[in-house]
């Protein structure tokens, strides 16, 4: 019977949670399984993986096949690396002490990477939260100013009364009236010169 390490889907719609199981390769995806090895929850960041390390390692050493996703999970948890080191012991390339030393160094490096990722995600979340809070505060301030401007009555504009039309006309007449021309003295009538009387005809 060929065994295979794979995932079984559980959880809610849109939020799946997977069980890592060992099952017969001919069984259905969500059918019967031989042993449950762990849980994989991709809904968290980083993903949550809880796995029985020793049991999973023993199944890998006995030649169990793996799905692509299961292989990636086992590599992430260091099971495949530990299996590689143990195979080196079988070949005489490494000792058991060297295997433990190398694997402990790998675990420490992996933990540091995971912690750095978590810190980065936490800082990013804090910065995003601060940015959202600032944007909300700015929006509230702008809304308050708009409401205040809407409720504030506009100052009444007092229009100056234009001067009466009659006063304007009288003023215009006063300013435009031309000075009366002085009467000119009439030139004295030309003196009539008495006509020269013709001399009486001398009596002949």
N, C-alpha and C. Protein backbone atom coordinates (compact mmCIF):
# COMPACT_ATOMS: atom_id res chain seq x y z
N UNK A 1 0.85 -1.20 0.00
CA UNK A 1 0.00 0.00 0.00
C UNK A 1 0.88 1.25 0.00
N UNK A 2 0.69 2.08 -1.00
CA UNK A 2 1.46 3.32 -1.08
C UNK A 2 0.79 4.38 -0.20
N UNK A 3 1.60 4.99 0.65
CA UNK A 3 1.09 6.04 1.54
C UNK A 3 1.49 7.41 0.99
N UNK A 4 0.66 8.38 1.34
CA UNK A 4 0.89 9.73 0.82
C UNK A 4 0.55 10.75 1.90
N UNK A 5 1.45 11.71 2.08
CA UNK A 5 1.20 12.82 3.02
C UNK A 5 0.56 13.95 2.23
N UNK A 6 -0.62 14.35 2.66
CA UNK A 6 -1.37 15.38 1.92
C UNK A 6 -2.27 16.15 2.87
N UNK A 7 -3.03 17.09 2.30
CA UNK A 7 -3.90 17.95 3.09
C UNK A 7 -5.36 17.56 2.92
N UNK A 8 -6.10 17.68 3.99
CA UNK A 8 -7.55 17.55 3.96
C UNK A 8 -8.15 18.90 4.32
N UNK A 9 -9.14 19.34 3.53
CA UNK A 9 -9.74 20.66 3.75
C UNK A 9 -10.82 20.59 4.81
N UNK A 10 -10.76 21.55 5.73
CA UNK A 10 -11.79 21.73 6.76
C UNK A 10 -12.02 23.23 6.91
N UNK A 11 -12.84 23.61 7.89
CA UNK A 11 -13.08 25.02 8.15
C UNK A 11 -14.30 25.56 7.42
N UNK A 12 -14.45 26.88 7.48
CA UNK A 12 -15.61 27.54 6.90
C UNK A 12 -15.36 27.92 5.44
N UNK A 13 -16.44 28.33 4.81
CA UNK A 13 -16.33 28.79 3.42
C UNK A 13 -15.56 30.11 3.39
N UNK A 14 -14.54 30.15 2.55
CA UNK A 14 -13.71 31.35 2.45
C UNK A 14 -12.60 31.40 3.49
N UNK A 15 -12.64 30.54 4.54
CA UNK A 15 -11.60 30.49 5.56
C UNK A 15 -11.23 29.03 5.83
N UNK A 16 -10.54 28.42 4.89
CA UNK A 16 -10.24 26.98 5.06
C UNK A 16 -9.12 26.75 6.08
N UNK A 17 -9.22 25.63 6.75
CA UNK A 17 -8.16 25.13 7.64
C UNK A 17 -7.87 23.70 7.18
N UNK A 18 -6.60 23.38 7.00
CA UNK A 18 -6.22 22.08 6.43
C UNK A 18 -5.58 21.19 7.51
N UNK A 19 -5.92 19.90 7.44
CA UNK A 19 -5.28 18.89 8.28
C UNK A 19 -4.23 18.16 7.46
N UNK A 20 -3.05 18.04 8.01
CA UNK A 20 -1.99 17.28 7.36
C UNK A 20 -2.10 15.83 7.81
N UNK A 21 -2.34 14.95 6.85
CA UNK A 21 -2.61 13.55 7.20
C UNK A 21 -1.77 12.61 6.33
N UNK A 22 -1.66 11.38 6.82
CA UNK A 22 -1.08 10.29 6.04
C UNK A 22 -2.24 9.38 5.64
N UNK A 23 -2.39 9.16 4.36
CA UNK A 23 -3.52 8.36 3.88
C UNK A 23 -3.06 7.47 2.74
N UNK A 24 -3.92 6.52 2.41
CA UNK A 24 -3.67 5.68 1.25
C UNK A 24 -3.75 6.56 0.00
N UNK A 25 -2.81 6.40 -0.90
CA UNK A 25 -2.78 7.24 -2.10
C UNK A 25 -4.02 7.06 -2.96
N UNK A 26 -4.76 5.92 -2.78
CA UNK A 26 -5.97 5.68 -3.56
C UNK A 26 -7.22 6.26 -2.90
N UNK A 27 -7.10 6.76 -1.67
CA UNK A 27 -8.27 7.28 -0.95
C UNK A 27 -8.63 8.67 -1.48
N UNK A 28 -9.88 9.06 -1.23
CA UNK A 28 -10.33 10.39 -1.63
C UNK A 28 -9.62 11.45 -0.81
N UNK A 29 -9.71 12.67 -1.31
CA UNK A 29 -8.99 13.76 -0.62
C UNK A 29 -9.47 13.93 0.82
N UNK A 30 -10.77 13.94 1.00
CA UNK A 30 -11.32 14.13 2.34
C UNK A 30 -11.85 12.82 2.92
N UNK A 31 -11.34 11.70 2.43
CA UNK A 31 -11.79 10.38 2.90
C UNK A 31 -11.01 9.92 4.13
N UNK A 32 -10.94 8.60 4.29
CA UNK A 32 -10.27 8.02 5.44
C UNK A 32 -8.76 8.27 5.38
N UNK A 33 -8.13 8.38 6.54
CA UNK A 33 -6.68 8.58 6.61
C UNK A 33 -6.11 7.66 7.68
N UNK A 34 -4.81 7.47 7.63
CA UNK A 34 -4.14 6.59 8.57
C UNK A 34 -3.78 7.32 9.86
N UNK A 35 -3.24 8.51 9.71
CA UNK A 35 -2.82 9.28 10.90
C UNK A 35 -2.87 10.78 10.58
N UNK A 36 -3.29 11.53 11.56
CA UNK A 36 -3.26 12.99 11.45
C UNK A 36 -1.93 13.49 12.00
N UNK A 37 -1.21 14.27 11.14
CA UNK A 37 0.13 14.72 11.52
C UNK A 37 0.15 16.17 12.03
N UNK A 38 -0.80 16.99 11.62
CA UNK A 38 -0.77 18.38 12.07
C UNK A 38 -1.87 19.20 11.42
N UNK A 39 -1.78 20.51 11.63
CA UNK A 39 -2.78 21.47 11.12
C UNK A 39 -2.04 22.60 10.41
N UNK A 40 -2.61 23.04 9.31
CA UNK A 40 -2.08 24.17 8.53
C UNK A 40 -3.20 25.18 8.35
N UNK A 41 -2.98 26.40 8.90
CA UNK A 41 -3.98 27.47 8.82
C UNK A 41 -3.40 28.64 8.03
N UNK A 42 -3.81 28.80 6.76
CA UNK A 42 -3.26 29.89 5.94
C UNK A 42 -3.95 31.23 6.15
N UNK A 43 -4.92 31.30 7.06
CA UNK A 43 -5.66 32.55 7.26
C UNK A 43 -4.89 33.56 8.10
N UNK A 44 -3.85 33.13 8.80
CA UNK A 44 -3.04 34.04 9.60
C UNK A 44 -1.81 34.46 8.81
N UNK A 45 -1.14 35.51 9.28
CA UNK A 45 0.06 35.99 8.62
C UNK A 45 1.16 36.21 9.66
N UNK A 46 2.22 35.39 9.68
CA UNK A 46 2.47 34.24 8.79
C UNK A 46 1.53 33.09 9.11
N UNK A 47 1.47 32.12 8.21
CA UNK A 47 0.56 30.99 8.36
C UNK A 47 0.91 30.18 9.61
N UNK A 48 -0.13 29.65 10.26
CA UNK A 48 0.07 28.84 11.46
C UNK A 48 0.22 27.38 11.08
N UNK A 49 1.31 26.77 11.53
CA UNK A 49 1.57 25.36 11.24
C UNK A 49 1.89 24.64 12.55
N UNK A 50 1.07 23.70 12.91
CA UNK A 50 1.29 22.85 14.07
C UNK A 50 1.46 21.42 13.57
N UNK A 51 2.58 20.81 13.87
CA UNK A 51 2.89 19.52 13.27
C UNK A 51 3.61 18.63 14.29
N UNK A 52 3.34 17.34 14.22
CA UNK A 52 4.04 16.34 15.03
C UNK A 52 5.36 16.01 14.31
N UNK A 53 6.44 16.60 14.79
CA UNK A 53 7.71 16.52 14.07
C UNK A 53 8.22 15.09 13.96
N UNK A 54 8.28 14.39 15.07
CA UNK A 54 8.88 13.04 15.07
C UNK A 54 8.06 12.06 14.23
N UNK A 55 6.73 12.12 14.36
CA UNK A 55 5.90 11.19 13.61
C UNK A 55 5.98 11.46 12.11
N UNK A 56 5.98 12.74 11.77
CA UNK A 56 6.07 13.10 10.35
C UNK A 56 7.42 12.68 9.78
N UNK A 57 8.49 12.88 10.56
CA UNK A 57 9.82 12.49 10.11
C UNK A 57 9.91 10.99 9.88
N UNK A 58 9.29 10.23 10.75
CA UNK A 58 9.33 8.77 10.59
C UNK A 58 8.60 8.32 9.32
N UNK A 59 7.50 8.97 9.01
CA UNK A 59 6.77 8.64 7.79
C UNK A 59 7.60 9.02 6.55
N UNK A 60 8.29 10.14 6.62
CA UNK A 60 9.14 10.54 5.49
C UNK A 60 10.27 9.54 5.30
N UNK A 61 10.85 9.06 6.41
CA UNK A 61 11.96 8.12 6.32
C UNK A 61 11.52 6.74 5.78
N UNK A 62 10.24 6.43 5.99
CA UNK A 62 9.76 5.15 5.46
C UNK A 62 9.36 5.24 4.00
N UNK A 63 9.49 6.41 3.40
CA UNK A 63 9.26 6.54 1.98
C UNK A 63 7.87 7.00 1.59
N UNK A 64 7.16 7.69 2.49
CA UNK A 64 5.82 8.19 2.15
C UNK A 64 5.94 9.28 1.09
N UNK A 65 5.05 9.25 0.11
CA UNK A 65 5.01 10.30 -0.90
C UNK A 65 4.41 11.57 -0.30
N UNK A 66 4.63 12.68 -1.01
CA UNK A 66 4.12 13.97 -0.51
C UNK A 66 3.50 14.77 -1.64
N UNK A 67 2.42 15.44 -1.34
CA UNK A 67 1.87 16.40 -2.31
C UNK A 67 2.78 17.63 -2.31
N UNK A 68 2.60 18.48 -3.32
CA UNK A 68 3.47 19.66 -3.43
C UNK A 68 3.32 20.58 -2.23
N UNK A 69 2.08 20.80 -1.81
CA UNK A 69 1.87 21.69 -0.65
C UNK A 69 2.41 21.06 0.62
N UNK A 70 2.20 19.76 0.79
CA UNK A 70 2.73 19.07 1.98
C UNK A 70 4.26 19.12 1.99
N UNK A 71 4.88 18.97 0.82
CA UNK A 71 6.34 19.05 0.76
C UNK A 71 6.84 20.43 1.18
N UNK A 72 6.14 21.47 0.72
CA UNK A 72 6.53 22.83 1.09
C UNK A 72 6.40 23.05 2.60
N UNK A 73 5.36 22.51 3.20
CA UNK A 73 5.16 22.66 4.65
C UNK A 73 6.26 21.92 5.42
N UNK A 74 6.56 20.70 5.00
CA UNK A 74 7.61 19.92 5.68
C UNK A 74 8.98 20.57 5.52
N UNK A 75 9.22 21.19 4.36
CA UNK A 75 10.48 21.90 4.18
C UNK A 75 10.55 23.13 5.08
N UNK A 76 9.43 23.82 5.21
CA UNK A 76 9.38 25.02 6.06
C UNK A 76 9.65 24.66 7.52
N UNK A 77 9.15 23.52 7.96
CA UNK A 77 9.34 23.11 9.35
C UNK A 77 10.67 22.39 9.59
N UNK A 78 11.45 22.15 8.54
CA UNK A 78 12.77 21.55 8.70
C UNK A 78 12.79 20.04 8.72
N UNK A 79 11.66 19.42 8.44
CA UNK A 79 11.63 17.95 8.47
C UNK A 79 12.45 17.36 7.33
N UNK A 80 12.34 17.95 6.16
CA UNK A 80 13.11 17.44 5.02
C UNK A 80 14.62 17.64 5.24
N UNK A 81 14.99 18.75 5.85
CA UNK A 81 16.41 19.00 6.13
C UNK A 81 16.94 17.99 7.15
N UNK A 82 16.13 17.71 8.18
CA UNK A 82 16.55 16.73 9.19
C UNK A 82 16.67 15.33 8.55
N UNK A 83 15.76 15.01 7.66
CA UNK A 83 15.85 13.72 6.97
C UNK A 83 17.11 13.63 6.11
N UNK A 84 17.46 14.76 5.48
CA UNK A 84 18.68 14.79 4.66
C UNK A 84 19.91 14.56 5.54
N UNK A 85 19.95 15.18 6.71
CA UNK A 85 21.08 15.00 7.62
C UNK A 85 21.16 13.56 8.13
N UNK A 86 20.03 12.95 8.43
CA UNK A 86 20.03 11.58 8.93
C UNK A 86 20.48 10.61 7.84
N UNK A 87 20.13 10.92 6.60
CA UNK A 87 20.63 10.08 5.49
C UNK A 87 22.15 10.19 5.38
N UNK A 88 22.69 11.37 5.72
CA UNK A 88 24.14 11.52 5.74
C UNK A 88 24.78 10.68 6.82
N UNK A 89 24.10 10.51 7.94
CA UNK A 89 24.62 9.65 9.00
C UNK A 89 24.65 8.19 8.53
N UNK A 90 23.59 7.77 7.81
CA UNK A 90 23.54 6.40 7.31
C UNK A 90 24.69 6.12 6.34
N UNK A 91 25.05 7.15 5.58
CA UNK A 91 26.14 6.98 4.61
C UNK A 91 27.51 7.16 5.24
N UNK A 92 27.55 7.60 6.50
CA UNK A 92 28.82 7.78 7.19
C UNK A 92 29.45 9.14 6.97
N UNK A 93 28.72 10.07 6.36
CA UNK A 93 29.28 11.41 6.10
C UNK A 93 29.20 12.31 7.33
N UNK A 94 28.25 12.03 8.22
CA UNK A 94 28.06 12.85 9.41
C UNK A 94 27.88 11.95 10.63
N UNK A 95 28.11 12.56 11.78
CA UNK A 95 27.81 11.88 13.04
C UNK A 95 26.51 12.41 13.60
N UNK A 96 25.97 11.74 14.58
CA UNK A 96 24.71 12.16 15.20
C UNK A 96 24.88 13.54 15.86
N UNK A 97 26.05 13.77 16.46
CA UNK A 97 26.28 15.06 17.11
C UNK A 97 26.31 16.20 16.09
N UNK A 98 26.95 15.94 14.97
CA UNK A 98 27.00 16.96 13.91
C UNK A 98 25.59 17.24 13.37
N UNK A 99 24.80 16.21 13.27
CA UNK A 99 23.42 16.41 12.81
C UNK A 99 22.67 17.33 13.76
N UNK A 100 22.78 17.08 15.05
CA UNK A 100 22.06 17.92 16.03
C UNK A 100 22.57 19.35 16.02
N UNK A 101 23.89 19.51 15.87
CA UNK A 101 24.47 20.86 15.85
C UNK A 101 23.98 21.63 14.63
N UNK A 102 24.04 20.99 13.46
CA UNK A 102 23.61 21.66 12.24
C UNK A 102 22.11 21.99 12.28
N UNK A 103 21.35 21.05 12.80
CA UNK A 103 19.91 21.29 12.82
C UNK A 103 19.55 22.39 13.84
N UNK A 104 20.25 22.46 14.95
CA UNK A 104 20.00 23.53 15.94
C UNK A 104 20.33 24.89 15.34
N UNK A 105 21.43 24.97 14.58
CA UNK A 105 21.78 26.24 13.93
C UNK A 105 20.72 26.63 12.91
N UNK A 106 20.23 25.64 12.17
CA UNK A 106 19.17 25.93 11.19
C UNK A 106 17.91 26.44 11.88
N UNK A 107 17.52 25.80 12.98
CA UNK A 107 16.33 26.21 13.72
C UNK A 107 16.47 27.65 14.24
N UNK A 108 17.65 28.00 14.75
CA UNK A 108 17.87 29.35 15.26
C UNK A 108 17.74 30.38 14.14
N UNK A 109 18.36 30.08 13.00
CA UNK A 109 18.28 31.00 11.86
C UNK A 109 16.84 31.15 11.37
N UNK A 110 16.11 30.04 11.32
CA UNK A 110 14.71 30.07 10.89
C UNK A 110 13.86 30.89 11.87
N UNK A 111 14.10 30.72 13.16
CA UNK A 111 13.33 31.47 14.17
C UNK A 111 13.59 32.97 14.04
N UNK A 112 14.85 33.33 13.76
CA UNK A 112 15.17 34.75 13.58
C UNK A 112 14.44 35.33 12.37
N UNK A 113 14.38 34.60 11.29
CA UNK A 113 13.68 35.06 10.09
C UNK A 113 12.18 35.24 10.37
N UNK A 114 11.61 34.27 11.09
CA UNK A 114 10.18 34.35 11.40
C UNK A 114 9.90 35.55 12.31
N UNK A 115 10.75 35.76 13.32
CA UNK A 115 10.56 36.89 14.22
C UNK A 115 10.71 38.22 13.48
N UNK A 116 11.69 38.28 12.57
CA UNK A 116 11.87 39.51 11.79
C UNK A 116 10.64 39.79 10.93
N UNK A 117 10.09 38.75 10.36
CA UNK A 117 8.88 38.93 9.54
C UNK A 117 7.71 39.41 10.40
N UNK A 118 7.55 38.82 11.59
CA UNK A 118 6.47 39.23 12.48
C UNK A 118 6.64 40.68 12.91
N UNK A 119 7.88 41.08 13.23
CA UNK A 119 8.12 42.47 13.61
C UNK A 119 7.80 43.43 12.46
N UNK A 120 8.22 43.02 11.26
CA UNK A 120 7.92 43.86 10.10
C UNK A 120 6.43 44.01 9.87
N UNK A 121 5.70 42.92 10.02
CA UNK A 121 4.25 42.98 9.85
C UNK A 121 3.60 43.84 10.94
N UNK A 122 4.11 43.72 12.17
CA UNK A 122 3.55 44.52 13.26
C UNK A 122 3.79 46.02 13.03
N UNK A 123 5.01 46.36 12.60
CA UNK A 123 5.32 47.77 12.32
C UNK A 123 4.46 48.30 11.17
N UNK A 124 4.30 47.47 10.14
CA UNK A 124 3.47 47.88 9.01
C UNK A 124 2.03 48.09 9.45
N UNK A 125 1.53 47.20 10.31
CA UNK A 125 0.16 47.35 10.80
C UNK A 125 0.01 48.62 11.62
N UNK A 126 1.02 48.92 12.47
CA UNK A 126 0.96 50.14 13.29
C UNK A 126 0.97 51.39 12.42
N UNK A 127 1.85 51.39 11.40
CA UNK A 127 1.92 52.57 10.53
C UNK A 127 0.62 52.75 9.75
N UNK A 128 0.05 51.64 9.29
CA UNK A 128 -1.23 51.72 8.57
C UNK A 128 -2.33 52.24 9.50
N UNK A 129 -2.33 51.78 10.73
CA UNK A 129 -3.34 52.22 11.70
C UNK A 129 -3.19 53.72 11.97
N UNK A 130 -1.94 54.18 12.15
CA UNK A 130 -1.71 55.61 12.39
C UNK A 130 -2.13 56.44 11.19
N UNK A 131 -1.84 55.95 9.97
CA UNK A 131 -2.23 56.69 8.77
C UNK A 131 -3.75 56.77 8.64
N UNK A 132 -4.44 55.67 8.95
CA UNK A 132 -5.91 55.69 8.89
C UNK A 132 -6.49 56.64 9.93
N UNK A 133 -5.89 56.64 11.15
CA UNK A 133 -6.38 57.53 12.20
C UNK A 133 -6.19 58.99 11.80
N UNK A 134 -5.03 59.32 11.20
CA UNK A 134 -4.77 60.69 10.77
C UNK A 134 -5.74 61.11 9.67
N UNK A 135 -5.96 60.20 8.71
CA UNK A 135 -6.90 60.52 7.62
C UNK A 135 -8.31 60.73 8.16
N UNK A 136 -8.70 59.93 9.13
CA UNK A 136 -10.04 60.09 9.72
C UNK A 136 -10.15 61.41 10.48
N UNK A 137 -9.08 61.76 11.22
CA UNK A 137 -9.10 63.03 11.96
C UNK A 137 -9.18 64.22 11.00
N UNK A 138 -8.43 64.17 9.89
CA UNK A 138 -8.48 65.25 8.90
C UNK A 138 -9.88 65.36 8.28
N UNK A 139 -10.48 64.21 8.00
CA UNK A 139 -11.82 64.22 7.41
C UNK A 139 -12.84 64.80 8.39
N UNK A 140 -12.72 64.45 9.67
CA UNK A 140 -13.64 64.99 10.67
C UNK A 140 -13.47 66.49 10.83
N UNK A 141 -12.22 66.95 10.80
CA UNK A 141 -11.96 68.38 10.91
C UNK A 141 -12.54 69.15 9.73
N UNK A 142 -12.34 68.61 8.52
CA UNK A 142 -12.90 69.26 7.34
C UNK A 142 -14.42 69.27 7.39
N UNK A 143 -15.02 68.19 7.86
CA UNK A 143 -16.48 68.12 7.96
C UNK A 143 -17.00 69.15 8.98
N UNK A 144 -16.28 69.29 10.11
CA UNK A 144 -16.69 70.25 11.13
C UNK A 144 -16.61 71.69 10.60
N UNK A 145 -15.55 71.98 9.85
CA UNK A 145 -15.42 73.31 9.27
C UNK A 145 -16.54 73.59 8.27
N UNK A 146 -16.90 72.58 7.48
CA UNK A 146 -17.98 72.77 6.51
C UNK A 146 -19.31 73.03 7.20
N UNK A 147 -19.58 72.30 8.30
CA UNK A 147 -20.83 72.51 9.05
C UNK A 147 -20.83 73.89 9.69
N UNK A 148 -19.70 74.31 10.24
CA UNK A 148 -19.62 75.63 10.87
C UNK A 148 -19.85 76.74 9.85
N UNK A 149 -19.24 76.58 8.67
CA UNK A 149 -19.42 77.59 7.62
C UNK A 149 -20.87 77.63 7.15
N UNK A 150 -21.53 76.50 7.15
CA UNK A 150 -22.92 76.44 6.69
C UNK A 150 -23.85 77.09 7.70
N UNK A 151 -23.56 76.92 9.00
CA UNK A 151 -24.44 77.46 10.05
C UNK A 151 -24.16 78.91 10.37
N UNK A 152 -23.03 79.46 9.96
CA UNK A 152 -22.70 80.85 10.25
C UNK A 152 -23.46 81.76 9.28
N UNK A 153 -24.32 82.73 9.82
CA UNK A 153 -25.07 83.61 8.91
C UNK A 153 -24.13 84.57 8.20
N UNK A 154 -24.49 84.88 6.98
CA UNK A 154 -23.67 85.80 6.20
C UNK A 154 -23.95 87.23 6.63
N UNK A 155 -22.93 88.08 6.75
CA UNK A 155 -23.15 89.48 7.16
C UNK A 155 -23.98 90.23 6.12
N UNK A 156 -24.97 91.07 6.66
CA UNK A 156 -25.82 91.82 5.75
C UNK A 156 -25.03 92.97 5.13
N UNK A 157 -25.19 93.14 3.85
CA UNK A 157 -24.51 94.20 3.12
C UNK A 157 -25.45 95.40 3.03
N UNK A 158 -25.07 96.54 3.67
CA UNK A 158 -25.90 97.76 3.66
C UNK A 158 -25.53 98.57 2.43
N UNK A 159 -26.52 98.75 1.57
CA UNK A 159 -26.29 99.51 0.35
C UNK A 159 -26.54 101.00 0.60
N UNK A 160 -25.63 101.85 0.16
CA UNK A 160 -25.79 103.29 0.31
C UNK A 160 -26.86 103.77 -0.65
N UNK A 161 -27.76 104.62 -0.07
CA UNK A 161 -28.84 105.14 -0.91
C UNK A 161 -28.29 106.15 -1.90
N UNK A 162 -28.71 106.01 -3.10
CA UNK A 162 -28.26 106.95 -4.13
C UNK A 162 -28.95 108.28 -3.93
N UNK A 163 -28.33 109.41 -4.19
CA UNK A 163 -28.99 110.72 -4.03
C UNK A 163 -30.22 110.82 -4.92
N UNK A 164 -31.19 111.61 -4.44
CA UNK A 164 -32.44 111.76 -5.18
C UNK A 164 -32.16 112.29 -6.57
N UNK A 165 -33.04 111.90 -7.48
CA UNK A 165 -32.82 112.29 -8.87
C UNK A 165 -32.93 113.80 -9.03
N UNK A 166 -33.84 114.40 -8.26
CA UNK A 166 -34.03 115.86 -8.40
C UNK A 166 -32.79 116.60 -7.96
N UNK A 167 -32.21 116.15 -6.81
CA UNK A 167 -31.01 116.83 -6.33
C UNK A 167 -29.89 116.70 -7.36
N UNK A 168 -29.81 115.55 -7.95
CA UNK A 168 -28.76 115.36 -8.94
C UNK A 168 -29.00 116.27 -10.13
N UNK A 169 -30.27 116.46 -10.54
CA UNK A 169 -30.56 117.30 -11.68
C UNK A 169 -30.26 118.75 -11.37
N UNK A 170 -30.69 119.20 -10.15
CA UNK A 170 -30.42 120.58 -9.77
C UNK A 170 -28.93 120.85 -9.72
N UNK A 171 -28.21 119.92 -9.19
CA UNK A 171 -26.76 120.10 -9.12
C UNK A 171 -26.17 120.21 -10.50
N UNK A 172 -26.68 119.37 -11.40
CA UNK A 172 -26.17 119.43 -12.77
C UNK A 172 -26.50 120.75 -13.42
N UNK A 173 -27.74 121.28 -13.16
CA UNK A 173 -28.11 122.58 -13.75
C UNK A 173 -27.25 123.69 -13.20
N UNK A 174 -27.00 123.66 -11.89
CA UNK A 174 -26.18 124.71 -11.28
C UNK A 174 -24.78 124.72 -11.88
N UNK A 175 -24.27 123.57 -12.12
CA UNK A 175 -22.88 123.52 -12.60
C UNK A 175 -22.76 123.81 -14.08
N UNK A 176 -23.85 123.59 -14.84
CA UNK A 176 -23.75 123.75 -16.29
C UNK A 176 -24.32 125.08 -16.79
N UNK A 177 -24.93 125.93 -15.94
CA UNK A 177 -25.53 127.19 -16.40
C UNK A 177 -24.44 128.17 -16.82
N UNK A 178 -24.56 128.67 -18.03
CA UNK A 178 -23.53 129.57 -18.56
C UNK A 178 -23.79 130.99 -18.05
N UNK A 179 -22.76 131.82 -17.88
CA UNK A 179 -22.96 133.22 -17.42
C UNK A 179 -23.73 134.02 -18.46
N UNK A 180 -24.60 134.87 -17.94
CA UNK A 180 -25.43 135.69 -18.83
C UNK A 180 -24.56 136.73 -19.53
N UNK A 181 -24.73 136.83 -20.79
CA UNK A 181 -23.92 137.81 -21.54
C UNK A 181 -24.40 139.21 -21.23
N UNK A 182 -23.46 140.17 -21.04
CA UNK A 182 -23.81 141.55 -20.73
C UNK A 182 -24.40 142.23 -21.97
N UNK A 183 -25.38 143.11 -21.68
CA UNK A 183 -26.01 143.81 -22.80
C UNK A 183 -25.01 144.76 -23.45
N UNK A 184 -25.01 144.70 -24.69
CA UNK A 184 -24.07 145.58 -25.41
C UNK A 184 -24.78 146.88 -25.71
N UNK A 185 -24.06 147.92 -25.55
CA UNK A 185 -24.65 149.25 -25.82
C UNK A 185 -24.81 149.41 -27.32
N UNK A 186 -26.04 149.84 -27.68
CA UNK A 186 -26.28 150.02 -29.10
C UNK A 186 -25.50 151.21 -29.63
N UNK A 187 -25.00 151.01 -30.75
CA UNK A 187 -24.26 152.12 -31.36
C UNK A 187 -25.22 153.27 -31.64
N UNK A 188 -24.83 154.54 -31.40
CA UNK A 188 -25.74 155.69 -31.64
C UNK A 188 -26.14 155.75 -33.11
N UNK A 189 -27.37 156.03 -33.20
CA UNK A 189 -27.89 156.11 -34.58
C UNK A 189 -27.12 157.15 -35.37
N UNK A 190 -26.92 156.85 -36.55
CA UNK A 190 -26.15 157.79 -37.39
C UNK A 190 -26.95 159.08 -37.52
N UNK A 191 -26.26 160.19 -37.28
CA UNK A 191 -26.94 161.48 -37.37
C UNK A 191 -27.32 161.75 -38.82
N UNK A 192 -28.56 162.11 -38.88
CA UNK A 192 -29.05 162.41 -40.22
C UNK A 192 -28.51 163.78 -40.65
N UNK A 193 -27.89 163.75 -41.74
CA UNK A 193 -27.37 165.04 -42.24
C UNK A 193 -28.47 165.68 -43.07
N UNK A 194 -28.82 166.92 -42.73
CA UNK A 194 -29.89 167.57 -43.50
C UNK A 194 -29.49 167.70 -44.97
N UNK A 195 -30.43 167.37 -45.74
CA UNK A 195 -30.13 167.43 -47.16
C UNK A 195 -29.85 168.88 -47.57
N UNK A 196 -28.89 169.04 -48.34
CA UNK A 196 -28.52 170.42 -48.76
C UNK A 196 -29.62 170.93 -49.64
N UNK A 197 -30.13 171.98 -49.09
CA UNK A 197 -31.25 172.53 -49.85
C UNK A 197 -30.70 173.09 -51.16
N UNK A 198 -31.45 172.76 -52.12
CA UNK A 198 -31.03 173.29 -53.45
C UNK A 198 -31.24 174.79 -53.45
N UNK A 199 -30.33 175.53 -53.97
CA UNK A 199 -30.49 177.03 -54.02
C UNK A 199 -31.68 177.38 -54.90
N UNK A 200 -32.39 178.23 -54.31
CA UNK A 200 -33.56 178.69 -55.07
C UNK A 200 -33.16 179.24 -56.39
N UNK A 201 -33.96 178.97 -57.33
CA UNK A 201 -33.66 179.48 -58.65
C UNK A 201 -33.67 180.99 -58.63
N UNK A 202 -32.62 181.40 -59.04
CA UNK A 202 -32.59 182.85 -59.11
C UNK A 202 -33.60 183.29 -60.14
N UNK A 203 -34.23 184.26 -59.67
CA UNK A 203 -35.19 184.84 -60.59
C UNK A 203 -34.47 185.41 -61.80
N UNK A 204 -34.98 185.03 -62.79
CA UNK A 204 -34.41 185.54 -64.00
C UNK A 204 -34.82 186.92 -64.18
